[in-house]
Amino acid sequence: MEYGIQRRGIYLAPPTEAEVEWFCDQFELQEVWEIFGMEGPNKMKMLRLWRSGDIVVGILHRVSPRKRIGFVVMFPPDANRDFWEFGYAIAEIADRDAFSAMYSTDAMAHYMFEHLNVLAMGWRTRSDNLAAQAIVRRLGYTPFETVKDEHHSYTKYRLDREGWMRRRGKLDRGEESHPSGLGATFITLPTFPYEPHPLPNVPQPEVEAAPAPVAKKKPVAKKKPVAKKKPVAKKKPVAKKKKRA
């Protein structure tokens, strides 16, 4: 990714160098390489794909409380598929909710279709993963093939640009009828550190910051001295009238 994308309470951001290492390390975990349909640990393969620019990677964050919860990776078309394949992993079970999955998928679809102008995106879900299948269908992806390997069967789904525009229209109407308070369906986070927009009425995470300077009190204006009253001039005595002779 070249910039971040926020969708309500979730945002994707380009990985830092440390996060690239973390992302590739995840493919040493059996839970991860199995859900991606790999035969074994694949850290070095993912690192090569990243360095060659063949994959698109976004680090998945929650806005509040602020935390990194996983990653999204897009694999390019190959001889077996004509679409960019979506994959994601969320580390902690507590963060694996349907909204996080849908928001992250929509954020990456927005980036892929409207920034990179790809023609199609797709998913591959294990046939025994009913929750993932329900999410993919809700997002508008159409199943078109089931394939098997030695251990599992997988259902493939596809979404083209026309399907994305229908999905985008639905999201925009949802933003109008149930506003997030962000002012848009998607928010672009253009530059590092890709700070997300806070959600209204949601407590924000505490961040360490320098103490705010104490405001100096304005000096109290000195009261002007009360002007002394001028002494009242004494009235001149009235001259007595002279008596006529």
Protein backbone atom coordinates (compact mmCIF):
# COMPACT_ATOMS: atom_id res chain seq x y z
CA MET A 1 0.00 0.00 0.00
CA GLU A 2 1.08 3.55 -0.67
CA TYR A 3 -1.20 5.17 1.92
CA GLY A 4 -3.66 4.22 4.64
CA ILE A 5 -7.42 3.65 4.34
CA GLN A 6 -9.87 3.95 7.22
CA ARG A 7 -13.28 2.27 7.23
CA ARG A 8 -15.13 3.26 10.40
CA GLY A 9 -13.34 1.64 13.36
CA ILE A 10 -10.70 -0.21 11.30
CA TYR A 11 -7.81 1.10 9.23
CA LEU A 12 -5.14 -0.38 6.98
CA ALA A 13 -1.69 1.18 6.69
CA PRO A 14 1.50 0.43 4.78
CA PRO A 15 3.92 -1.63 6.89
CA THR A 16 7.03 -0.15 8.46
CA GLU A 17 10.29 -2.09 8.14
CA ALA A 18 9.68 -3.68 11.55
CA GLU A 19 6.14 -4.62 10.54
CA VAL A 20 7.35 -6.27 7.32
CA GLU A 21 9.48 -8.54 9.50
CA TRP A 22 6.51 -9.20 11.81
CA PHE A 23 4.20 -9.90 8.84
CA CYS A 24 6.59 -12.44 7.32
CA ASP A 25 7.16 -14.08 10.72
CA GLN A 26 3.44 -14.91 10.88
CA PHE A 27 3.93 -17.40 8.04
CA GLU A 28 6.11 -19.51 10.33
CA LEU A 29 2.98 -20.21 12.41
CA GLN A 30 1.10 -23.33 11.40
CA GLU A 31 -2.27 -21.68 12.05
CA VAL A 32 -1.41 -19.00 9.47
CA TRP A 33 0.25 -21.00 6.68
CA GLU A 34 -2.52 -23.60 6.87
CA ILE A 35 -5.36 -21.07 6.42
CA PHE A 36 -3.48 -19.69 3.41
CA GLY A 37 -3.41 -23.17 1.88
CA MET A 38 0.39 -23.48 2.11
CA GLU A 39 2.26 -26.74 2.60
CA GLY A 40 4.51 -25.45 5.37
CA PRO A 41 6.30 -22.42 6.86
CA ASN A 42 6.85 -19.73 4.23
CA LYS A 43 8.51 -16.73 5.84
CA MET A 44 11.27 -16.47 3.23
CA LYS A 45 8.84 -16.82 0.33
CA MET A 46 6.67 -14.00 1.68
CA LEU A 47 9.75 -11.84 2.21
CA ARG A 48 10.83 -12.42 -1.41
CA LEU A 49 7.32 -11.58 -2.68
CA TRP A 50 7.35 -8.38 -0.65
CA ARG A 51 10.79 -7.28 -1.82
CA SER A 52 9.92 -7.97 -5.46
CA GLY A 53 6.73 -5.89 -5.20
CA ASP A 54 4.51 -8.82 -6.19
CA ILE A 55 2.12 -8.57 -3.24
CA VAL A 56 0.14 -5.73 -1.65
CA VAL A 57 0.27 -5.67 2.15
CA GLY A 58 -1.72 -3.62 4.64
CA ILE A 59 -1.29 -3.79 8.41
CA LEU A 60 -4.65 -4.01 10.12
CA HIS A 61 -5.36 -1.73 13.08
CA ARG A 62 -8.27 -0.99 15.36
CA VAL A 63 -9.01 2.71 15.91
CA SER A 64 -10.17 2.42 19.52
CA PRO A 65 -8.52 1.08 21.53
CA ARG A 66 -5.57 1.78 19.24
CA LYS A 67 -3.86 -1.51 18.46
CA ARG A 68 -2.46 -3.63 15.64
CA ILE A 69 -4.64 -6.68 15.22
CA GLY A 70 -3.45 -8.38 12.02
CA PHE A 71 -2.67 -7.98 8.34
CA VAL A 72 -4.22 -8.12 4.88
CA VAL A 73 -2.29 -9.41 1.86
CA MET A 74 -3.25 -9.43 -1.82
CA PHE A 75 -1.72 -12.08 -4.11
CA PRO A 76 -1.50 -11.24 -7.83
CA PRO A 77 -3.26 -13.13 -10.66
CA ASP A 78 -1.51 -16.24 -11.95
CA ALA A 79 -2.11 -19.10 -14.37
CA ASN A 80 -4.90 -20.47 -12.16
CA ARG A 81 -6.85 -17.27 -11.48
CA ASP A 82 -7.56 -13.96 -13.21
CA PHE A 83 -8.03 -11.93 -10.02
CA TRP A 84 -6.09 -10.58 -7.06
CA GLU A 85 -6.66 -12.98 -4.16
CA PHE A 86 -7.50 -11.55 -0.74
CA GLY A 87 -6.06 -13.07 2.43
CA TYR A 88 -5.98 -11.86 6.00
CA ALA A 89 -5.10 -13.01 9.50
CA ILE A 90 -6.06 -11.61 12.88
CA ALA A 91 -3.87 -12.69 15.77
CA GLU A 92 -6.14 -12.69 18.81
CA ILE A 93 -9.47 -14.54 18.96
CA ALA A 94 -11.07 -11.56 20.75
CA ASP A 95 -10.45 -9.40 17.64
CA ARG A 96 -11.90 -11.89 15.15
CA ASP A 97 -15.34 -10.38 14.72
CA ALA A 98 -17.41 -10.05 11.56
CA PHE A 99 -17.22 -6.25 11.43
CA SER A 100 -13.41 -6.22 11.55
CA ALA A 101 -13.34 -8.74 8.70
CA MET A 102 -15.84 -6.79 6.57
CA TYR A 103 -14.30 -3.38 7.23
CA SER A 104 -10.80 -4.61 6.38
CA THR A 105 -12.02 -6.32 3.21
CA ASP A 106 -13.92 -3.24 2.06
CA ALA A 107 -10.97 -0.96 2.83
CA MET A 108 -8.62 -3.10 0.74
CA ALA A 109 -11.19 -3.47 -2.06
CA HIS A 110 -11.53 0.32 -2.16
CA TYR A 111 -7.74 0.60 -2.47
CA MET A 112 -7.40 -2.13 -5.09
CA PHE A 113 -10.32 -1.10 -7.33
CA GLU A 114 -10.18 2.67 -6.96
CA HIS A 115 -6.44 3.27 -6.61
CA LEU A 116 -4.75 0.38 -8.41
CA ASN A 117 -7.68 -0.06 -10.85
CA VAL A 118 -7.56 -3.86 -10.80
CA LEU A 119 -10.22 -5.73 -12.77
CA ALA A 120 -11.20 -8.31 -10.14
CA MET A 121 -10.58 -9.52 -6.59
CA GLY A 122 -11.29 -12.89 -5.05
CA TRP A 123 -11.32 -15.06 -1.95
CA ARG A 124 -10.62 -18.69 -1.19
CA THR A 125 -12.30 -20.14 1.90
CA ARG A 126 -12.11 -23.57 3.42
CA SER A 127 -15.40 -25.37 2.94
CA ASP A 128 -15.62 -26.10 6.67
CA ASN A 129 -15.23 -22.41 7.57
CA LEU A 130 -18.90 -21.43 7.47
CA ALA A 131 -18.34 -18.06 9.19
CA ALA A 132 -15.88 -16.93 6.50
CA GLN A 133 -18.21 -18.09 3.73
CA ALA A 134 -21.10 -16.10 5.24
CA ILE A 135 -18.96 -12.95 5.35
CA VAL A 136 -17.74 -13.34 1.77
CA ARG A 137 -21.25 -13.83 0.41
CA ARG A 138 -22.49 -10.83 2.38
CA LEU A 139 -19.74 -8.75 0.78
CA GLY A 140 -21.11 -9.59 -2.68
CA TYR A 141 -18.52 -12.12 -3.84
CA THR A 142 -19.83 -14.88 -6.11
CA PRO A 143 -18.72 -18.54 -5.66
CA PHE A 144 -17.53 -20.10 -8.89
CA GLU A 145 -15.36 -23.14 -8.09
CA THR A 146 -14.49 -25.70 -5.41
CA VAL A 147 -11.02 -27.24 -5.37
CA LYS A 148 -9.39 -29.84 -3.13
CA ASP A 149 -5.91 -30.53 -1.86
CA GLU A 150 -4.66 -33.38 0.34
CA HIS A 151 -6.26 -31.98 3.47
CA HIS A 152 -9.16 -29.63 2.67
CA SER A 153 -11.55 -28.40 0.02
CA TYR A 154 -11.77 -24.71 -0.80
CA THR A 155 -14.50 -22.58 -2.36
CA LYS A 156 -13.32 -19.75 -4.61
CA TYR A 157 -15.16 -16.44 -4.86
CA ARG A 158 -14.77 -13.55 -7.29
CA LEU A 159 -15.78 -9.87 -7.42
CA ASP A 160 -15.35 -7.74 -10.55
CA ARG A 161 -15.44 -3.95 -10.89
CA GLU A 162 -19.18 -3.92 -11.57
CA GLY A 163 -19.80 -5.95 -8.43
CA TRP A 164 -17.58 -3.60 -6.45
CA MET A 165 -19.51 -0.55 -7.62
CA ARG A 166 -22.72 -2.18 -6.37
CA ARG A 167 -21.03 -2.88 -3.07
CA ARG A 168 -19.64 0.67 -2.90
CA GLY A 169 -23.10 2.12 -3.57
CA LYS A 170 -24.54 0.05 -0.73
CA LEU A 171 -21.81 1.26 1.63
CA ASP A 172 -22.36 4.90 0.65
CA ARG A 173 -26.10 4.60 1.28
CA GLY A 174 -25.34 3.03 4.65
CA GLU A 175 -23.08 5.94 5.53
CA GLU A 176 -25.88 8.38 4.68
CA SER A 177 -28.57 6.54 6.65
CA HIS A 178 -26.35 5.56 9.61
CA PRO A 179 -23.49 8.12 9.68
CA SER A 180 -20.22 7.09 11.26
CA GLY A 181 -19.46 10.71 12.07
CA LEU A 182 -16.32 10.58 9.90
CA GLY A 183 -18.02 12.33 6.99
CA ALA A 184 -17.25 9.68 4.36
CA THR A 185 -17.45 5.95 3.69
CA PHE A 186 -13.66 5.72 3.40
CA ILE A 187 -11.03 8.09 4.78
CA THR A 188 -7.61 8.39 3.11
CA LEU A 189 -4.67 8.57 5.52
CA PRO A 190 -2.08 10.04 3.17
CA THR A 191 1.17 10.22 5.12
CA PHE A 192 3.11 8.43 7.86
CA PRO A 193 2.26 7.74 10.67
CA TYR A 194 -1.21 7.33 9.07
CA GLU A 195 -3.15 8.63 12.07
CA PRO A 196 -6.80 7.50 11.93
CA HIS A 197 -9.69 9.88 12.48
CA PRO A 198 -11.25 9.43 15.93
CA LEU A 199 -14.76 8.09 15.96
CA PRO A 200 -17.27 10.47 17.58
CA ASN A 201 -18.59 9.44 20.99
CA VAL A 202 -15.97 6.71 21.33
CA PRO A 203 -13.38 7.05 24.15
CA GLN A 204 -9.98 7.57 22.60
CA PRO A 205 -6.89 5.59 23.64
CA GLU A 206 -4.47 7.24 25.98
CA VAL A 207 -1.29 8.29 24.25
CA GLU A 208 1.87 9.44 25.92
CA ALA A 209 2.54 13.05 25.20
CA ALA A 210 4.48 15.95 26.61
CA PRO A 211 2.56 17.77 29.33
CA ALA A 212 0.72 20.77 28.07
CA PRO A 213 2.25 24.07 29.11
CA VAL A 214 0.45 25.79 31.92
CA ALA A 215 -1.31 28.83 30.62
CA LYS A 216 0.00 32.02 32.12
CA LYS A 217 -2.52 34.11 33.90
CA LYS A 218 -3.14 37.44 32.34
CA PRO A 219 -1.95 40.26 34.55
CA VAL A 220 -4.80 41.97 36.28
CA ALA A 221 -5.18 45.44 34.94
CA LYS A 222 -4.48 48.08 37.54
CA LYS A 223 -7.44 50.15 38.43
CA LYS A 224 -7.22 53.69 37.37
CA PRO A 225 -6.94 56.06 40.35
CA VAL A 226 -10.17 57.76 41.16
CA ALA A 227 -9.97 61.35 40.04
CA LYS A 228 -10.06 63.75 42.97
CA LYS A 229 -12.98 66.05 43.01
CA LYS A 230 -12.12 69.64 42.43
CA PRO A 231 -12.82 71.77 45.48
CA VAL A 232 -16.02 73.66 45.12
CA ALA A 233 -15.23 77.32 44.58
CA LYS A 234 -16.53 79.54 47.33
CA LYS A 235 -19.24 81.86 46.24
CA LYS A 236 -18.30 85.52 46.25
CA PRO A 237 -20.25 87.50 48.86
CA VAL A 238 -23.05 89.50 47.36
CA ALA A 239 -22.23 93.19 47.45
CA LYS A 240 -24.57 95.20 49.71
CA LYS A 241 -26.62 97.83 47.94
CA LYS A 242 -25.75 101.41 48.91
CA LYS A 243 -28.58 103.42 50.52
CA ARG A 244 -29.65 106.53 48.60
CA ALA A 245 -29.01 109.87 50.33
